C-alpha atoms as a PDB file:
ATOM      1  CA  MET A   1      11.741  56.391   2.494  1.00  0.00           C
ATOM      2  CA  THR A   2       8.551  58.325   1.943  1.00  0.00           C
ATOM      3  CA  PRO A   3       6.260  59.431   4.810  1.00  0.00           C
ATOM      4  CA  PHE A   4       3.704  56.903   3.533  1.00  0.00           C
ATOM      5  CA  ASP A   5       6.223  54.041   3.772  1.00  0.00           C
ATOM      6  CA  LEU A   6       7.150  55.109   7.301  1.00  0.00           C
ATOM      7  CA  ARG A   7       3.482  55.183   8.333  1.00  0.00           C
ATOM      8  CA  LYS A   8       3.009  51.663   6.835  1.00  0.00           C
ATOM      9  CA  LYS A   9       5.959  50.339   8.811  1.00  0.00           C
ATOM     10  CA  ILE A  10       4.720  51.908  12.039  1.00  0.00           C
ATOM     11  CA  LEU A  11       1.201  50.569  11.441  1.00  0.00           C
ATOM     12  CA  PHE A  12       2.591  47.107  10.654  1.00  0.00           C
ATOM     13  CA  SER A  13       4.699  47.210  13.857  1.00  0.00           C
ATOM     14  CA  PHE A  14       1.655  48.091  15.968  1.00  0.00           C
ATOM     15  CA  VAL A  15      -0.454  45.379  14.351  1.00  0.00           C
ATOM     16  CA  PHE A  16       2.362  42.828  14.817  1.00  0.00           C
ATOM     17  CA  ILE A  17       2.836  43.753  18.501  1.00  0.00           C
ATOM     18  CA  PHE A  18      -0.972  43.675  19.091  1.00  0.00           C
ATOM     19  CA  CYS A  19      -1.152  40.191  17.532  1.00  0.00           C
ATOM     20  CA  ILE A  20       1.649  38.950  19.792  1.00  0.00           C
ATOM     21  CA  TRP A  21      -0.160  40.496  22.786  1.00  0.00           C
ATOM     22  CA  ILE A  22      -3.457  38.784  21.826  1.00  0.00           C
ATOM     23  CA  PHE A  23      -1.757  35.361  21.380  1.00  0.00           C
ATOM     24  CA  GLY A  24      -0.014  35.884  24.719  1.00  0.00           C
ATOM     25  CA  LEU A  25      -3.334  36.738  26.356  1.00  0.00           C
ATOM     26  CA  LEU A  26      -4.864  33.532  24.988  1.00  0.00           C
ATOM     27  CA  TRP A  27      -1.890  31.552  26.321  1.00  0.00           C
ATOM     28  CA  PHE A  28      -2.208  33.314  29.706  1.00  0.00           C
ATOM     29  CA  TYR A  29      -5.940  32.597  29.860  1.00  0.00           C
ATOM     30  CA  LYS A  30      -5.184  28.887  29.364  1.00  0.00           C
ATOM     31  CA  GLN A  31      -2.731  29.036  32.327  1.00  0.00           C
ATOM     32  CA  VAL A  32      -5.426  30.385  34.614  1.00  0.00           C
ATOM     33  CA  PRO A  33      -7.212  27.521  36.422  1.00  0.00           C
ATOM     34  CA  GLN A  34     -10.898  27.519  35.476  1.00  0.00           C
ATOM     35  CA  ASN A  35     -12.139  25.072  38.136  1.00  0.00           C
ATOM     36  CA  GLN A  36     -11.425  24.876  41.813  1.00  0.00           C
ATOM     37  CA  ILE A  37      -9.572  21.690  42.688  1.00  0.00           C
ATOM     38  CA  PRO A  38     -12.207  19.560  44.412  1.00  0.00           C
ATOM     39  CA  THR A  39      -9.680  18.008  46.749  1.00  0.00           C
ATOM     40  CA  ILE A  40      -6.051  18.793  47.316  1.00  0.00           C
ATOM     41  CA  GLU A  41      -4.635  15.258  47.317  1.00  0.00           C
ATOM     42  CA  ASN A  42      -1.254  15.914  48.851  1.00  0.00           C
ATOM     43  CA  SER A  43      -0.406  17.436  52.185  1.00  0.00           C
ATOM     44  CA  ALA A  44       2.184  20.175  52.382  1.00  0.00           C
ATOM     45  CA  ASP A  45       4.417  21.736  54.985  1.00  0.00           C
ATOM     46  CA  ALA A  46       2.409  24.950  54.981  1.00  0.00           C
ATOM     47  CA  ILE A  47      -0.570  26.668  53.425  1.00  0.00           C
ATOM     48  CA  ILE A  48       0.068  30.203  52.168  1.00  0.00           C
ATOM     49  CA  VAL A  49      -2.767  32.627  51.457  1.00  0.00           C
ATOM     50  CA  LEU A  50      -2.221  35.894  49.582  1.00  0.00           C
ATOM     51  CA  THR A  51      -4.742  38.473  50.753  1.00  0.00           C
ATOM     52  CA  GLY A  52      -6.602  40.697  48.347  1.00  0.00           C
ATOM     53  CA  GLY A  53      -9.468  38.682  46.926  1.00  0.00           C
ATOM     54  CA  SER A  54     -12.684  37.197  48.200  1.00  0.00           C
ATOM     55  CA  GLY A  55     -12.770  33.611  49.262  1.00  0.00           C
ATOM     56  CA  ARG A  56      -9.018  33.252  49.771  1.00  0.00           C
ATOM     57  CA  LEU A  57      -8.968  33.289  53.565  1.00  0.00           C
ATOM     58  CA  GLU A  58     -11.943  30.993  53.761  1.00  0.00           C
ATOM     59  CA  TYR A  59     -10.348  28.472  51.435  1.00  0.00           C
ATOM     60  CA  GLY A  60      -7.034  28.576  53.274  1.00  0.00           C
ATOM     61  CA  LEU A  61      -8.821  27.998  56.604  1.00  0.00           C
ATOM     62  CA  GLU A  62     -10.785  25.123  55.074  1.00  0.00           C
ATOM     63  CA  LEU A  63      -7.561  23.474  53.919  1.00  0.00           C
ATOM     64  CA  LEU A  64      -6.037  23.951  57.393  1.00  0.00           C
ATOM     65  CA  ALA A  65      -9.118  22.392  58.990  1.00  0.00           C
ATOM     66  CA  GLU A  66      -8.729  19.436  56.618  1.00  0.00           C
ATOM     67  CA  ASN A  67      -5.135  18.986  57.868  1.00  0.00           C
ATOM     68  CA  LYS A  68      -3.575  19.678  54.475  1.00  0.00           C
ATOM     69  CA  ALA A  69      -0.778  21.363  56.436  1.00  0.00           C
ATOM     70  CA  LYS A  70      -0.081  22.190  60.061  1.00  0.00           C
ATOM     71  CA  ILE A  71       0.575  25.911  59.517  1.00  0.00           C
ATOM     72  CA  LEU A  72      -1.306  28.671  57.693  1.00  0.00           C
ATOM     73  CA  PHE A  73       0.724  31.720  56.686  1.00  0.00           C
ATOM     74  CA  ILE A  74      -1.247  34.701  55.509  1.00  0.00           C
ATOM     75  CA  SER A  75       0.758  37.276  53.606  1.00  0.00           C
ATOM     76  CA  GLY A  76      -0.316  40.929  53.416  1.00  0.00           C
ATOM     77  CA  THR A  77      -2.646  41.231  56.411  1.00  0.00           C
ATOM     78  CA  GLY A  78      -3.458  44.549  57.965  1.00  0.00           C
ATOM     79  CA  GLU A  79      -1.248  45.775  60.813  1.00  0.00           C
ATOM     80  CA  ASN A  80      -3.879  45.257  63.518  1.00  0.00           C
ATOM     81  CA  VAL A  81      -5.224  41.878  62.323  1.00  0.00           C
ATOM     82  CA  LYS A  82      -4.864  39.008  64.757  1.00  0.00           C
ATOM     83  CA  PRO A  83      -5.296  35.235  64.261  1.00  0.00           C
ATOM     84  CA  SER A  84      -8.583  35.389  66.210  1.00  0.00           C
ATOM     85  CA  ASP A  85      -9.878  37.879  63.587  1.00  0.00           C
ATOM     86  CA  ILE A  86      -8.931  35.428  60.824  1.00  0.00           C
ATOM     87  CA  LEU A  87     -10.716  32.527  62.556  1.00  0.00           C
ATOM     88  CA  ARG A  88     -13.992  34.438  62.321  1.00  0.00           C
ATOM     89  CA  GLN A  89     -13.801  33.916  58.541  1.00  0.00           C
ATOM     90  CA  THR A  90     -14.586  30.225  58.763  1.00  0.00           C
ATOM     91  CA  THR A  91     -17.391  27.994  60.034  1.00  0.00           C
ATOM     92  CA  ALA A  92     -17.852  27.094  63.710  1.00  0.00           C
ATOM     93  CA  GLU A  93     -17.041  23.494  62.811  1.00  0.00           C
ATOM     94  CA  ASN A  94     -13.699  24.499  61.287  1.00  0.00           C
ATOM     95  CA  ARG A  95     -12.889  26.788  64.255  1.00  0.00           C
ATOM     96  CA  LYS A  96     -13.030  23.695  66.511  1.00  0.00           C
ATOM     97  CA  LYS A  97     -10.349  22.005  64.363  1.00  0.00           C
ATOM     98  CA  ILE A  98      -7.992  24.997  64.064  1.00  0.00           C
ATOM     99  CA  LYS A  99      -5.666  26.370  66.736  1.00  0.00           C
ATOM    100  CA  ALA A 100      -5.002  30.115  66.545  1.00  0.00           C
ATOM    101  CA  ASN A 101      -1.259  29.491  67.077  1.00  0.00           C
ATOM    102  CA  ASN A 102      -1.207  27.579  63.765  1.00  0.00           C
ATOM    103  CA  ILE A 103      -2.001  30.819  61.942  1.00  0.00           C
ATOM    104  CA  ILE A 104       0.933  33.104  61.237  1.00  0.00           C
ATOM    105  CA  LEU A 105       0.355  36.566  59.848  1.00  0.00           C
ATOM    106  CA  GLY A 106       2.639  38.614  57.614  1.00  0.00           C
ATOM    107  CA  HIS A 107       1.945  42.315  57.907  1.00  0.00           C
ATOM    108  CA  GLN A 108       4.492  43.820  55.493  1.00  0.00           C
ATOM    109  CA  ALA A 109       3.451  42.853  51.950  1.00  0.00           C
ATOM    110  CA  GLU A 110       1.479  45.352  49.930  1.00  0.00           C
ATOM    111  CA  ASN A 111       1.619  43.681  46.528  1.00  0.00           C
ATOM    112  CA  THR A 112       2.576  40.407  44.855  1.00  0.00           C
ATOM    113  CA  ILE A 113       6.301  41.163  44.844  1.00  0.00           C
ATOM    114  CA  GLY A 114       6.026  42.026  48.529  1.00  0.00           C
ATOM    115  CA  ASN A 115       4.103  38.786  49.141  1.00  0.00           C
ATOM    116  CA  ALA A 116       6.965  36.764  47.611  1.00  0.00           C
ATOM    117  CA  GLN A 117       9.589  38.623  49.676  1.00  0.00           C
ATOM    118  CA  GLU A 118       7.578  38.256  52.860  1.00  0.00           C
ATOM    119  CA  ILE A 119       7.012  34.537  52.214  1.00  0.00           C
ATOM    120  CA  LYS A 120      10.713  34.051  51.448  1.00  0.00           C
ATOM    121  CA  GLN A 121      11.727  35.679  54.757  1.00  0.00           C
ATOM    122  CA  TRP A 122       9.276  33.475  56.643  1.00  0.00           C
ATOM    123  CA  LEU A 123      10.230  30.263  54.872  1.00  0.00           C
ATOM    124  CA  GLU A 124      13.968  30.872  55.368  1.00  0.00           C
ATOM    125  CA  LYS A 125      13.320  30.575  59.124  1.00  0.00           C
ATOM    126  CA  SER A 126      11.753  27.143  58.637  1.00  0.00           C
ATOM    127  CA  GLU A 127      12.551  23.902  56.876  1.00  0.00           C
ATOM    128  CA  TYR A 128       9.381  23.918  54.792  1.00  0.00           C
ATOM    129  CA  LYS A 129       9.863  22.650  51.247  1.00  0.00           C
ATOM    130  CA  THR A 130       6.277  22.240  49.992  1.00  0.00           C
ATOM    131  CA  VAL A 131       3.480  24.811  50.204  1.00  0.00           C
ATOM    132  CA  ILE A 132      -0.114  25.065  49.076  1.00  0.00           C
ATOM    133  CA  LEU A 133      -0.582  28.511  47.535  1.00  0.00           C
ATOM    134  CA  VAL A 134      -4.077  29.950  47.840  1.00  0.00           C
ATOM    135  CA  THR A 135      -4.961  32.958  45.716  1.00  0.00           C
ATOM    136  CA  SER A 136      -7.465  33.917  43.019  1.00  0.00           C
ATOM    137  CA  ASN A 137      -7.224  31.839  39.834  1.00  0.00           C
ATOM    138  CA  TYR A 138      -6.182  34.814  37.655  1.00  0.00           C
ATOM    139  CA  HIS A 139      -3.420  35.570  40.171  1.00  0.00           C
ATOM    140  CA  ILE A 140      -1.855  32.072  40.196  1.00  0.00           C
ATOM    141  CA  PRO A 141       0.559  32.490  37.225  1.00  0.00           C
ATOM    142  CA  ARG A 142       2.133  35.713  38.474  1.00  0.00           C
ATOM    143  CA  SER A 143       2.199  34.570  42.139  1.00  0.00           C
ATOM    144  CA  VAL A 144       3.935  31.326  41.176  1.00  0.00           C
ATOM    145  CA  LEU A 145       6.385  33.272  38.948  1.00  0.00           C
ATOM    146  CA  GLU A 146       7.348  35.679  41.756  1.00  0.00           C
ATOM    147  CA  LEU A 147       7.593  32.967  44.427  1.00  0.00           C
ATOM    148  CA  SER A 148       9.462  30.404  42.348  1.00  0.00           C
ATOM    149  CA  THR A 149      11.919  33.037  41.176  1.00  0.00           C
ATOM    150  CA  LEU A 150      12.848  33.874  44.757  1.00  0.00           C
ATOM    151  CA  LEU A 151      12.626  30.262  45.978  1.00  0.00           C
ATOM    152  CA  PRO A 152      13.449  27.977  43.054  1.00  0.00           C
ATOM    153  CA  GLN A 153      13.680  24.852  45.244  1.00  0.00           C
ATOM    154  CA  LEU A 154      10.202  25.371  46.724  1.00  0.00           C
ATOM    155  CA  SER A 155       7.484  22.961  45.617  1.00  0.00           C
ATOM    156  CA  ILE A 156       4.256  24.904  45.069  1.00  0.00           C
ATOM    157  CA  ILE A 157       0.811  23.303  44.905  1.00  0.00           C
ATOM    158  CA  SER A 158      -1.695  25.789  43.465  1.00  0.00           C
ATOM    159  CA  ALA A 159      -5.070  26.074  45.209  1.00  0.00           C
ATOM    160  CA  PRO A 160      -7.016  28.617  43.110  1.00  0.00           C
ATOM    161  CA  VAL A 161     -10.093  30.449  44.246  1.00  0.00           C
ATOM    162  CA  ILE A 162     -12.213  30.711  41.096  1.00  0.00           C
ATOM    163  CA  THR A 163     -13.476  34.049  39.828  1.00  0.00           C
ATOM    164  CA  SER A 164     -14.772  34.834  36.392  1.00  0.00           C
ATOM    165  CA  ASP A 165     -13.845  38.527  36.370  1.00  0.00           C
ATOM    166  CA  MET A 166     -12.539  38.956  32.808  1.00  0.00           C
ATOM    167  CA  GLU A 167     -11.402  42.520  33.557  1.00  0.00           C
ATOM    168  CA  MET A 168      -9.004  41.054  36.113  1.00  0.00           C
ATOM    169  CA  ILE A 169      -7.660  38.629  33.521  1.00  0.00           C
ATOM    170  CA  PHE A 170      -6.660  41.531  31.253  1.00  0.00           C
ATOM    171  CA  SER A 171      -5.144  43.449  34.117  1.00  0.00           C
ATOM    172  CA  GLU A 172      -3.299  40.428  35.533  1.00  0.00           C
ATOM    173  CA  TYR A 173      -1.951  39.497  32.119  1.00  0.00           C
ATOM    174  CA  ASN A 174      -0.329  42.917  31.767  1.00  0.00           C
ATOM    175  CA  LYS A 175       1.101  42.632  35.272  1.00  0.00           C
ATOM    176  CA  TYR A 176       2.396  39.171  34.423  1.00  0.00           C
ATOM    177  CA  LEU A 177       4.160  40.580  31.356  1.00  0.00           C
ATOM    178  CA  ALA A 178       5.686  43.347  33.457  1.00  0.00           C
ATOM    179  CA  SER A 179       6.934  40.719  35.965  1.00  0.00           C
ATOM    180  CA  LYS A 180       8.456  38.623  33.197  1.00  0.00           C
ATOM    181  CA  LEU A 181      10.253  41.670  31.791  1.00  0.00           C
ATOM    182  CA  ARG A 182      11.445  42.705  35.268  1.00  0.00           C
ATOM    183  CA  HIS A 183      12.890  39.230  35.926  1.00  0.00           C
ATOM    184  CA  PHE A 184      14.458  39.156  32.467  1.00  0.00           C
ATOM    185  CA  PHE A 185      16.251  42.460  33.071  1.00  0.00           C
ATOM    186  CA  ILE A 186      17.307  41.503  36.598  1.00  0.00           C
ATOM    187  CA  SER A 187      18.803  38.190  35.374  1.00  0.00           C
ATOM    188  CA  THR A 188      20.530  39.966  32.469  1.00  0.00           C
ATOM    189  CA  ILE A 189      22.103  42.493  34.795  1.00  0.00           C
ATOM    190  CA  GLU A 190      23.136  39.769  37.294  1.00  0.00           C
ATOM    191  CA  LYS A 191      24.902  37.815  34.516  1.00  0.00           C
ATOM    192  CA  LYS A 192      27.126  40.792  33.631  1.00  0.00           C
END
């Protein structure tokens, strides 16, 4: 094989991988909800909010005020955050409908994997089977992947907070690919 042939094969491999990445990105983009669900039709056992993006807490509190669930679990809050701090994120009208003891805070999660582990620990202490998951729209696919892998029996209703930050779509797609690969390797090792 000549050096020219080797360079052609390497170039072809890069182009092939790039094309697969682009088609995957297009598929991922179609998985990302583009519109906020006007009304969550079904009630759930709990509402779960993943911190980290604007509008998430407010939407979770709004759903709690609408009685879409009796409990709101917020994963990834700061160590010193209290339910009363969370209640300040909603309207005065909603604060009248929400009891602070219906808000449960998780303080340990620092990322999406940590969110899923923290949620699993909390749900294992309850009998909750259906949750409404509130996070940014671009974060829904990876959040559902992580949570459903740890809790395959859990029924998840997605409640996306819409953002049009395309830079986050690229970043989240790469994180999603990394999560898929991690779960693939973990399941391969567990089967041996």
